[in-house]
Amino acid sequence: MHPVPESAAPDAAPTVADCDVFIIGGGPAGSTAAALLARAGRRVVMIEKDRHPRFHIGESLLPANAQLFDRLGLREQVDEIGLRKYGAEFVSIEKGTSSEIAFGDAWDKSMPYAWQVRRDQLDELMFRHAAKQGAETHEGCRAKDVSFDADGATVTAVLDDGAERRWRARFVLDCSGRDTFLAHKFKAKQRNPRHNSSAIYGHFRGARRNTGQREGNITLCWFDHGWFWYIPLADGTVSVGATCWPYYLKSRDKPLKDFFFDTIAMSPELAQRLKDAELVGDKVHATGNFSYSATHCSGDRYLLLGDAYTFIDPMFSSGFFLAMQSAFEAVDVVRATLDAGPRAAARERRRFAKAMDLGPRAFSWFIFRITNPTLREMLLQPQNPLRVKEALISLLAGDIFGKTPIWPSLFALKGIYYLLSLTKLKRSLAAWRRRKFNIVDHGLLQGENVQAVK
């Protein structure tokens, strides 16, 4: 990592350093882009407001991440710190029914596993890797302002000690995650009117885990107010969280820890697995997982990557993958802008915009319906007419940007869903009305506010 130079005297204007690409945010999108661009010979500066290692939720990866780690040269290192995830388990409170899927049963059999990871470890690994590739990296450095002109941008950042730094960049990548730095600056951030959820979560030691190859599988448990994730990690702990409708969290009338344990009790399977477990650090966290998107993801000299552009419910562990994928997509836009001229740059920006919308659109159809009893039954009793099961597993594996021909089968799967919904029309209408009410924000949590309760 490159050291941060000593700050100038208080009454002196900060000096301005030059770079080709300035990256705001040192998470998966920023670190991936920094490594790729620095490897290509670009002068890259990446800043991160925190210092690694830092806590971050979102520990479950997708099989499609593996090929991206291959291209970065990080698969072996990820395999060392992660626990392999070969599939997923779905559990319902109704009669204790459950089912499992294996990624090896997807349309493309070449991506049979992903990983469960501690994000503090993985994010630091990727951040340090970017520095090794030649990127200039700064931690404890928060973006304050970006001023664009025809030739690039002037970026002002603030260090931990309050001193300011400035850079002159030819291109800016906003990888600030849910801080959505540029979307806020341009007043371009919009709440997704079709989805709204909150989450409470913690980590447990001594929880019951599956054995053998199934040990690393993620478990998703439905309950009356949403769904749980259950993610085993390589250090022996398990990440457990409840994604729920905002009204439910608003009903809390006791400390968050007690409320969390009462919520866990609503899922008999989950409660049994955690019967002898200990809450790590005695900490429970709460966050508003409100879905949003920006009105646009690119401009003449900037791009919005990953969660800096759009955030959807983490039902299928898509966030980390889409962040990394957006970085790979961004490289050609930067190259065209800096080397090929306006027409080529505009063409690459259009391609980038399509890629940025593909992932959220593909995942969202299922996420918006995940609490619907019809889709729940389909996941608990998966069938494979017209290869619909293989196509769904491929989607859940993140195999959506290549040439795997899953889309006709996914279209057929949606058709089956609608037909089954019509056969139980009264139930379907009731579920639709309930969801419509549930996505209303009752003012419980404000956007990205996060709290930790001991």
Protein backbone atom coordinates (compact mmCIF):
# COMPACT_ATOMS: atom_id res chain seq x y z
CA MET A 1 0.00 0.00 0.00
CA HIS A 2 1.24 3.46 -0.81
CA PRO A 3 1.60 5.67 2.28
CA VAL A 4 -0.46 8.82 2.58
CA PRO A 5 1.85 11.87 2.31
CA GLU A 6 2.04 14.23 5.22
CA SER A 7 -0.62 16.91 5.04
CA ALA A 8 0.23 20.47 4.16
CA ALA A 9 0.22 23.28 6.69
CA PRO A 10 -3.29 24.37 7.74
CA ASP A 11 -3.09 27.67 5.86
CA ALA A 12 -1.70 26.14 2.67
CA ALA A 13 -3.89 24.93 -0.18
CA PRO A 14 -3.53 21.18 -0.71
CA THR A 15 -1.44 20.15 -3.69
CA VAL A 16 -3.15 18.46 -6.62
CA ALA A 17 -1.86 15.08 -7.79
CA ASP A 18 -2.62 13.58 -11.19
CA CYS A 19 -4.02 10.19 -12.11
CA ASP A 20 -5.83 8.50 -14.97
CA VAL A 21 -8.61 6.93 -12.92
CA PHE A 22 -9.82 7.88 -9.45
CA ILE A 23 -11.84 5.25 -7.58
CA ILE A 24 -14.10 6.13 -4.66
CA GLY A 25 -14.46 3.09 -2.42
CA GLY A 26 -12.24 0.10 -1.67
CA GLY A 27 -14.83 -2.69 -1.63
CA PRO A 28 -15.26 -5.47 -4.21
CA ALA A 29 -16.13 -3.17 -7.13
CA GLY A 30 -13.38 -0.65 -6.39
CA SER A 31 -10.64 -3.19 -5.70
CA THR A 32 -11.51 -5.22 -8.79
CA ALA A 33 -11.49 -2.17 -11.05
CA ALA A 34 -8.28 -0.84 -9.49
CA ALA A 35 -6.46 -4.14 -10.01
CA LEU A 36 -7.59 -4.48 -13.65
CA LEU A 37 -6.81 -0.89 -14.61
CA ALA A 38 -3.45 -0.76 -12.81
CA ARG A 39 -2.47 -4.05 -14.45
CA ALA A 40 -3.27 -2.43 -17.81
CA GLY A 41 -0.83 0.41 -17.07
CA ARG A 42 -3.25 3.07 -15.90
CA ARG A 43 -2.34 5.43 -13.09
CA VAL A 44 -5.00 4.52 -10.54
CA VAL A 45 -5.82 6.06 -7.18
CA MET A 46 -8.31 4.29 -4.91
CA ILE A 47 -9.54 5.68 -1.59
CA GLU A 48 -11.43 3.87 1.18
CA LYS A 49 -13.18 5.78 3.97
CA ASP A 50 -12.50 3.02 6.53
CA ARG A 51 -9.40 0.99 7.27
CA HIS A 52 -9.11 -2.67 6.39
CA PRO A 53 -10.03 -5.03 7.86
CA ARG A 54 -13.51 -3.62 8.49
CA PHE A 55 -16.79 -5.40 9.15
CA HIS A 56 -19.21 -5.86 6.28
CA ILE A 57 -22.26 -8.05 5.90
CA GLY A 58 -22.81 -10.10 2.74
CA GLU A 59 -20.69 -13.20 3.25
CA SER A 60 -22.17 -15.55 0.64
CA LEU A 61 -20.69 -15.60 -2.87
CA LEU A 62 -21.98 -17.07 -6.14
CA PRO A 63 -20.29 -19.72 -8.31
CA ALA A 64 -19.91 -17.15 -11.08
CA ASN A 65 -17.55 -15.25 -8.78
CA ALA A 66 -15.01 -18.03 -9.28
CA GLN A 67 -14.23 -17.17 -12.89
CA LEU A 68 -13.82 -13.51 -11.92
CA PHE A 69 -11.36 -14.46 -9.17
CA ASP A 70 -9.54 -16.57 -11.78
CA ARG A 71 -9.15 -13.51 -13.99
CA LEU A 72 -7.87 -11.51 -11.04
CA GLY A 73 -5.50 -14.31 -9.99
CA LEU A 74 -7.13 -14.70 -6.57
CA ARG A 75 -8.97 -18.03 -6.63
CA GLU A 76 -6.40 -19.89 -4.51
CA GLN A 77 -6.30 -17.14 -1.89
CA VAL A 78 -10.11 -17.04 -1.70
CA ASP A 79 -10.20 -20.82 -1.36
CA GLU A 80 -7.81 -20.54 1.61
CA ILE A 81 -9.99 -18.12 3.59
CA GLY A 82 -13.43 -19.31 2.48
CA LEU A 83 -15.66 -22.32 3.04
CA ARG A 84 -16.87 -23.92 -0.16
CA LYS A 85 -20.60 -23.65 -0.84
CA TYR A 86 -21.93 -26.36 -3.14
CA GLY A 87 -25.59 -25.51 -2.95
CA ALA A 88 -28.52 -24.02 -1.07
CA GLU A 89 -31.26 -25.31 1.19
CA PHE A 90 -34.79 -23.90 1.41
CA VAL A 91 -36.82 -24.46 4.59
CA SER A 92 -40.45 -23.54 5.24
CA ILE A 93 -42.25 -23.40 8.58
CA GLU A 94 -45.19 -25.13 6.93
CA LYS A 95 -44.99 -28.80 7.99
CA GLY A 96 -41.20 -28.43 8.23
CA THR A 97 -40.80 -28.93 4.48
CA SER A 98 -37.43 -28.34 2.86
CA SER A 99 -35.52 -28.89 -0.36
CA GLU A 100 -31.96 -28.55 -1.62
CA ILE A 101 -30.36 -27.49 -4.87
CA ALA A 102 -26.80 -28.21 -5.99
CA PHE A 103 -24.93 -25.76 -8.20
CA GLY A 104 -23.47 -28.76 -10.01
CA ASP A 105 -26.99 -29.40 -11.39
CA ALA A 106 -27.08 -26.06 -13.20
CA TRP A 107 -27.22 -25.83 -16.99
CA ASP A 108 -23.46 -25.27 -17.12
CA LYS A 109 -21.79 -27.91 -14.93
CA SER A 110 -18.43 -26.11 -14.79
CA MET A 111 -19.29 -23.92 -11.77
CA PRO A 112 -20.16 -26.42 -9.01
CA TYR A 113 -19.33 -24.30 -5.98
CA ALA A 114 -18.86 -20.84 -4.51
CA TRP A 115 -17.61 -19.76 -1.07
CA GLN A 116 -18.84 -18.42 2.24
CA VAL A 117 -16.36 -15.79 3.42
CA ARG A 118 -15.71 -13.28 6.17
CA ARG A 119 -16.00 -10.04 4.28
CA ASP A 120 -13.40 -8.28 6.39
CA GLN A 121 -10.87 -10.88 5.20
CA LEU A 122 -11.94 -10.97 1.56
CA ASP A 123 -12.28 -7.21 1.13
CA GLU A 124 -8.83 -6.65 2.60
CA LEU A 125 -7.36 -9.39 0.40
CA MET A 126 -8.76 -7.71 -2.72
CA PHE A 127 -7.74 -4.23 -1.59
CA ARG A 128 -4.12 -5.31 -0.97
CA HIS A 129 -4.10 -7.17 -4.28
CA ALA A 130 -5.03 -3.97 -6.12
CA ALA A 131 -2.07 -2.24 -4.49
CA LYS A 132 0.23 -5.08 -5.56
CA GLN A 133 -0.98 -4.61 -9.13
CA GLY A 134 0.19 -0.99 -8.99
CA ALA A 135 -2.81 0.99 -7.77
CA GLU A 136 -2.15 3.83 -5.32
CA THR A 137 -4.39 3.09 -2.34
CA HIS A 138 -5.40 5.23 0.62
CA GLU A 139 -7.37 4.13 3.67
CA GLY A 140 -9.07 6.42 6.18
CA CYS A 141 -9.72 8.77 3.27
CA ARG A 142 -13.28 9.92 2.54
CA ALA A 143 -14.41 11.58 -0.68
CA LYS A 144 -15.73 15.09 -0.05
CA ASP A 145 -16.43 16.53 -3.49
CA VAL A 146 -15.98 15.87 -7.20
CA SER A 147 -16.02 18.68 -9.73
CA PHE A 148 -16.32 17.58 -13.37
CA ASP A 149 -15.31 19.42 -16.53
CA ALA A 150 -14.72 18.49 -20.16
CA ASP A 151 -11.32 16.91 -19.50
CA GLY A 152 -11.98 15.04 -16.29
CA ALA A 153 -12.56 15.85 -12.63
CA THR A 154 -11.00 17.36 -9.55
CA VAL A 155 -11.56 15.19 -6.50
CA THR A 156 -11.31 16.44 -2.93
CA ALA A 157 -10.97 13.94 -0.09
CA VAL A 158 -10.57 14.26 3.67
CA LEU A 159 -8.15 12.17 5.71
CA ASP A 160 -8.76 10.82 9.21
CA ASP A 161 -6.91 13.77 10.72
CA GLY A 162 -9.08 16.30 8.87
CA ALA A 163 -6.48 17.24 6.27
CA GLU A 164 -7.60 17.53 2.66
CA ARG A 165 -6.09 15.92 -0.42
CA ARG A 166 -6.88 16.71 -4.04
CA TRP A 167 -6.42 14.78 -7.23
CA ARG A 168 -6.89 15.62 -10.87
CA ALA A 169 -8.35 12.58 -12.65
CA ARG A 170 -9.24 11.85 -16.25
CA PHE A 171 -11.98 9.46 -15.16
CA VAL A 172 -13.87 8.70 -11.93
CA LEU A 173 -15.37 5.39 -10.80
CA ASP A 174 -17.90 5.61 -7.99
CA CYS A 175 -17.58 2.37 -6.05
CA SER A 176 -18.84 3.86 -2.80
CA GLY A 177 -21.48 1.18 -2.25
CA ARG A 178 -24.56 2.23 -0.36
CA ASP A 179 -23.00 5.62 0.33
CA THR A 180 -23.97 6.30 -3.33
CA PHE A 181 -21.62 9.27 -3.51
CA LEU A 182 -22.29 10.48 -7.06
CA ALA A 183 -25.98 9.55 -7.01
CA HIS A 184 -26.37 11.81 -3.98
CA LYS A 185 -24.33 14.55 -5.64
CA PHE A 186 -26.47 14.47 -8.77
CA LYS A 187 -29.70 13.94 -6.80
CA ALA A 188 -30.18 10.85 -8.93
CA LYS A 189 -30.98 8.26 -6.25
CA GLN A 190 -34.49 6.85 -6.25
CA ARG A 191 -36.17 4.48 -3.80
CA ASN A 192 -37.39 1.31 -5.52
CA PRO A 193 -41.19 1.49 -5.23
CA ARG A 194 -41.55 -2.27 -5.77
CA HIS A 195 -39.51 -3.49 -2.82
CA ASN A 196 -38.65 -2.54 0.74
CA SER A 197 -37.14 -4.60 3.56
CA SER A 198 -35.09 -4.39 6.73
CA ALA A 199 -32.70 -6.83 8.38
CA ILE A 200 -31.47 -7.86 11.82
CA TYR A 201 -28.47 -10.15 12.11
CA GLY A 202 -25.65 -11.50 14.24
CA HIS A 203 -22.95 -14.18 14.31
CA PHE A 204 -23.08 -17.34 16.39
CA ARG A 205 -20.48 -19.77 17.68
CA GLY A 206 -21.34 -23.40 18.39
CA ALA A 207 -24.33 -23.60 16.04
CA ARG A 208 -25.28 -26.91 14.48
CA ARG A 209 -23.89 -27.28 10.97
CA ASN A 210 -24.30 -29.74 8.15
CA THR A 211 -21.49 -32.21 7.59
CA GLY A 212 -19.34 -33.22 4.65
CA GLN A 213 -19.74 -31.38 1.37
CA ARG A 214 -23.01 -29.84 2.60
CA GLU A 215 -21.31 -28.01 5.48
CA GLY A 216 -20.88 -24.78 3.55
CA ASN A 217 -24.35 -24.67 1.99
CA ILE A 218 -26.46 -21.62 2.68
CA THR A 219 -29.88 -22.18 4.25
CA LEU A 220 -32.85 -19.89 3.58
CA CYS A 221 -35.76 -20.23 6.02
CA TRP A 222 -39.12 -18.54 5.53
CA PHE A 223 -41.13 -17.26 8.49
CA ASP A 224 -44.29 -15.20 8.87
CA HIS A 225 -42.60 -11.82 8.42
CA GLY A 226 -39.90 -12.57 5.85
CA TRP A 227 -36.98 -14.98 5.57
CA PHE A 228 -33.74 -15.94 7.36
CA TRP A 229 -30.26 -16.55 6.04
CA TYR A 230 -27.99 -19.10 7.71
CA ILE A 231 -24.40 -18.90 6.43
CA PRO A 232 -21.68 -21.14 7.88
CA LEU A 233 -18.18 -19.63 7.82
CA ALA A 234 -14.72 -21.18 7.73
CA ASP A 235 -13.82 -20.03 11.26
CA GLY A 236 -16.61 -22.14 12.75
CA THR A 237 -19.10 -19.30 13.22
CA VAL A 238 -22.43 -18.88 11.45
CA SER A 239 -23.93 -15.66 10.13
CA VAL A 240 -27.67 -15.54 10.86
CA GLY A 241 -30.01 -12.80 9.76
CA ALA A 242 -33.70 -12.08 9.28
CA THR A 243 -34.77 -10.03 6.29
CA CYS A 244 -38.24 -8.77 7.13
CA TRP A 245 -40.88 -6.25 6.19
CA PRO A 246 -40.38 -2.84 7.83
CA TYR A 247 -43.66 -3.07 9.76
CA TYR A 248 -42.30 -6.04 11.68
CA LEU A 249 -39.19 -4.28 12.91
CA LYS A 250 -41.32 -1.29 13.78
CA SER A 251 -43.27 -3.51 16.18
CA ARG A 252 -40.18 -3.99 18.38
CA ASP A 253 -40.88 -3.08 22.01
CA LYS A 254 -37.78 -4.60 23.62
CA PRO A 255 -33.98 -4.52 23.17
CA LEU A 256 -32.91 -5.58 19.69
CA LYS A 257 -31.09 -8.67 20.96
CA ASP A 258 -34.21 -9.99 22.70
CA PHE A 259 -36.30 -9.13 19.66
CA PHE A 260 -33.84 -11.03 17.43
CA PHE A 261 -34.05 -14.17 19.55
CA ASP A 262 -37.86 -13.95 19.58
CA THR A 263 -37.74 -13.73 15.80
CA ILE A 264 -35.45 -16.78 15.54
CA ALA A 265 -37.95 -18.74 17.62
CA MET A 266 -40.47 -18.32 14.80
CA SER A 267 -38.44 -20.77 12.71
CA PRO A 268 -38.30 -24.14 14.50
CA GLU A 269 -35.53 -25.43 12.25
CA LEU A 270 -33.37 -22.36 12.85
CA ALA A 271 -34.06 -22.35 16.58
CA GLN A 272 -33.00 -25.98 16.81
CA ARG A 273 -29.72 -25.31 15.01
CA LEU A 274 -28.97 -22.42 17.37
CA LYS A 275 -30.17 -24.14 20.57
CA ASP A 276 -26.64 -24.51 22.02
CA ALA A 277 -25.03 -21.59 20.18
CA GLU A 278 -23.50 -18.41 21.61
CA LEU A 279 -23.97 -14.95 20.10
CA VAL A 280 -20.50 -13.70 19.16
CA GLY A 281 -19.62 -10.48 20.98
CA ASP A 282 -23.20 -10.35 22.28
CA LYS A 283 -23.92 -8.09 19.28
CA VAL A 284 -26.96 -7.80 17.07
CA HIS A 285 -27.08 -5.41 14.12
CA ALA A 286 -29.99 -3.78 12.31
CA THR A 287 -30.07 -2.12 8.92
CA GLY A 288 -32.53 -0.83 6.37
CA ASN A 289 -32.10 -2.88 3.20
CA PHE A 290 -34.17 -0.44 1.19
CA SER A 291 -33.80 -1.15 -2.51
CA TYR A 292 -32.89 1.77 -4.75
CA SER A 293 -31.31 2.71 -8.04
CA ALA A 294 -29.86 5.83 -9.62
CA THR A 295 -31.44 7.40 -12.67
CA HIS A 296 -28.27 6.68 -14.68
CA CYS A 297 -25.03 4.78 -14.24
CA SER A 298 -22.65 6.75 -16.45
CA GLY A 299 -21.57 10.14 -17.66
CA ASP A 300 -18.84 11.49 -19.94
CA ARG A 301 -16.12 10.97 -17.34
CA TYR A 302 -17.65 8.74 -14.67
CA LEU A 303 -19.38 5.44 -13.95
CA LEU A 304 -21.40 4.18 -11.00
CA LEU A 305 -20.51 0.57 -10.12
CA GLY A 306 -22.19 -2.04 -7.94
CA ASP A 307 -24.29 -0.74 -5.07
CA ALA A 308 -23.28 2.83 -5.92
CA TYR A 309 -25.76 2.47 -8.81
CA THR A 310 -28.39 0.06 -7.56
CA PHE A 311 -29.13 -2.13 -4.56
CA ILE A 312 -31.58 -5.02 -4.42
CA ASP A 313 -32.57 -7.30 -1.59
CA PRO A 314 -29.72 -9.77 -0.84
CA MET A 315 -32.00 -12.80 -1.18
CA PHE A 316 -29.78 -14.62 -3.67
CA SER A 317 -26.35 -13.30 -2.58
CA SER A 318 -26.05 -11.31 -5.79
CA GLY A 319 -24.52 -8.06 -4.49
CA PHE A 320 -20.84 -9.04 -4.33
CA PHE A 321 -20.98 -10.75 -7.72
CA LEU A 322 -22.70 -7.83 -9.45
CA ALA A 323 -20.18 -5.42 -7.91
CA MET A 324 -17.23 -7.41 -9.28
CA GLN A 325 -18.91 -7.92 -12.65
CA SER A 326 -19.59 -4.19 -12.98
CA ALA A 327 -15.86 -3.54 -12.53
CA PHE A 328 -14.99 -5.87 -15.39
CA GLU A 329 -17.63 -4.18 -17.55
CA ALA A 330 -16.25 -0.74 -16.65
CA VAL A 331 -12.73 -1.36 -17.93
CA ASP A 332 -13.71 -1.07 -21.61
CA VAL A 333 -15.59 2.18 -20.96
CA VAL A 334 -12.50 3.69 -19.35
CA ARG A 335 -10.26 2.48 -22.18
CA ALA A 336 -12.59 3.86 -24.87
CA THR A 337 -12.96 7.21 -23.10
CA LEU A 338 -9.25 7.73 -22.55
CA ASP A 339 -7.94 6.23 -25.79
CA ALA A 340 -10.57 5.90 -28.51
CA GLY A 341 -12.65 9.06 -28.58
CA PRO A 342 -16.25 10.18 -27.92
CA ARG A 343 -18.09 7.86 -30.34
CA ALA A 344 -16.40 4.72 -29.04
CA ALA A 345 -16.89 5.91 -25.47
CA ALA A 346 -20.61 6.50 -26.02
CA ARG A 347 -20.97 3.03 -27.53
CA GLU A 348 -19.22 1.42 -24.56
CA ARG A 349 -21.34 3.40 -22.11
CA ARG A 350 -24.52 2.06 -23.74
CA ARG A 351 -23.18 -1.47 -23.47
CA PHE A 352 -22.23 -0.85 -19.83
CA ALA A 353 -25.71 0.45 -19.00
CA LYS A 354 -27.33 -2.69 -20.43
CA ALA A 355 -24.99 -4.90 -18.40
CA MET A 356 -25.66 -2.92 -15.21
CA ASP A 357 -29.41 -3.39 -15.58
CA LEU A 358 -29.31 -7.06 -16.59
CA GLY A 359 -28.35 -8.51 -13.21
CA PRO A 360 -30.78 -6.58 -11.00
CA ARG A 361 -33.59 -7.19 -13.48
CA ALA A 362 -32.93 -10.93 -13.66
CA PHE A 363 -32.73 -11.39 -9.89
CA SER A 364 -35.49 -8.95 -8.97
CA TRP A 365 -38.37 -10.89 -10.54
CA PHE A 366 -37.72 -13.72 -8.08
CA ILE A 367 -36.83 -11.47 -5.14
CA PHE A 368 -40.10 -9.55 -5.45
CA ARG A 369 -42.00 -12.85 -5.25
CA ILE A 370 -39.88 -14.80 -2.78
CA THR A 371 -42.49 -14.58 0.00
CA ASN A 372 -45.31 -15.54 -2.35
CA PRO A 373 -46.67 -19.01 -1.49
CA THR A 374 -46.69 -20.09 -5.15
CA LEU A 375 -42.98 -19.44 -5.69
CA ARG A 376 -42.22 -20.89 -2.28
CA GLU A 377 -43.94 -24.13 -3.26
CA MET A 378 -42.03 -24.22 -6.54
CA LEU A 379 -38.71 -23.90 -4.71
CA LEU A 380 -39.68 -26.52 -2.14
CA GLN A 381 -40.82 -28.98 -4.82
CA PRO A 382 -38.57 -28.19 -7.80
CA GLN A 383 -39.41 -29.83 -11.13
CA ASN A 384 -37.47 -29.69 -14.40
CA PRO A 385 -39.88 -29.51 -17.36
CA LEU A 386 -38.29 -27.57 -20.23
CA ARG A 387 -35.12 -27.49 -18.08
CA VAL A 388 -36.61 -24.82 -15.84
CA LYS A 389 -34.87 -26.13 -12.71
CA GLU A 390 -31.47 -26.08 -14.41
CA ALA A 391 -32.11 -22.56 -15.64
CA LEU A 392 -33.13 -21.35 -12.16
CA ILE A 393 -30.03 -22.89 -10.58
CA SER A 394 -27.94 -21.19 -13.28
CA LEU A 395 -29.53 -17.86 -12.36
CA LEU A 396 -28.86 -18.45 -8.66
CA ALA A 397 -25.25 -19.31 -9.59
CA GLY A 398 -24.88 -15.97 -11.38
CA ASP A 399 -24.51 -17.50 -14.85
CA ILE A 400 -26.31 -14.66 -16.63
CA PHE A 401 -23.60 -12.73 -18.49
CA GLY A 402 -22.29 -15.55 -20.65
CA LYS A 403 -23.79 -17.59 -23.47
CA THR A 404 -25.60 -20.24 -21.42
CA PRO A 405 -29.08 -20.39 -23.07
CA ILE A 406 -31.17 -20.20 -19.90
CA TRP A 407 -33.56 -17.40 -20.86
CA PRO A 408 -36.28 -19.39 -22.72
CA SER A 409 -36.45 -21.81 -19.79
CA LEU A 410 -36.66 -18.95 -17.28
CA PHE A 411 -39.48 -17.48 -19.35
CA ALA A 412 -41.22 -20.84 -19.17
CA LEU A 413 -40.66 -20.95 -15.40
CA LYS A 414 -42.40 -17.59 -15.03
CA GLY A 415 -45.26 -18.87 -17.14
CA ILE A 416 -45.64 -21.89 -14.85
CA TYR A 417 -45.65 -19.54 -11.86
CA TYR A 418 -48.48 -17.45 -13.30
CA LEU A 419 -50.51 -20.53 -14.24
CA LEU A 420 -50.14 -22.00 -10.75
CA SER A 421 -51.08 -18.64 -9.25
CA LEU A 422 -54.31 -18.65 -11.29
CA THR A 423 -55.24 -22.08 -9.99
CA LYS A 424 -55.24 -20.62 -6.47
CA LEU A 425 -56.42 -17.15 -7.35
CA LYS A 426 -57.84 -16.21 -3.95
CA ARG A 427 -54.57 -17.07 -2.21
CA SER A 428 -52.55 -15.27 -4.87
CA LEU A 429 -54.58 -12.07 -4.60
CA ALA A 430 -54.27 -12.13 -0.81
CA ALA A 431 -50.49 -12.52 -1.07
CA TRP A 432 -50.31 -9.68 -3.60
CA ARG A 433 -52.33 -7.34 -1.36
CA ARG A 434 -50.23 -8.23 1.67
CA ARG A 435 -47.00 -7.57 -0.17
CA LYS A 436 -48.30 -4.25 -1.51
CA PHE A 437 -48.99 -3.17 2.06
CA ASN A 438 -45.71 -4.54 3.41
CA ILE A 439 -43.40 -2.62 1.08
CA VAL A 440 -44.64 0.69 2.46
CA ASP A 441 -41.93 2.41 4.51
CA HIS A 442 -43.39 3.15 7.94
CA GLY A 443 -40.40 5.25 8.93
CA LEU A 444 -38.62 2.65 11.01
CA LEU A 445 -35.11 2.89 9.62
CA GLN A 446 -33.76 5.65 7.46
CA GLY A 447 -32.04 4.33 4.35
CA GLU A 448 -28.52 3.23 5.07
CA ASN A 449 -28.60 3.83 8.83
CA VAL A 450 -26.95 0.96 10.69
CA GLN A 451 -26.81 0.35 14.41
CA ALA A 452 -25.04 -2.21 16.57
CA VAL A 453 -26.70 -3.11 19.83
CA LYS A 454 -24.92 -4.86 22.70
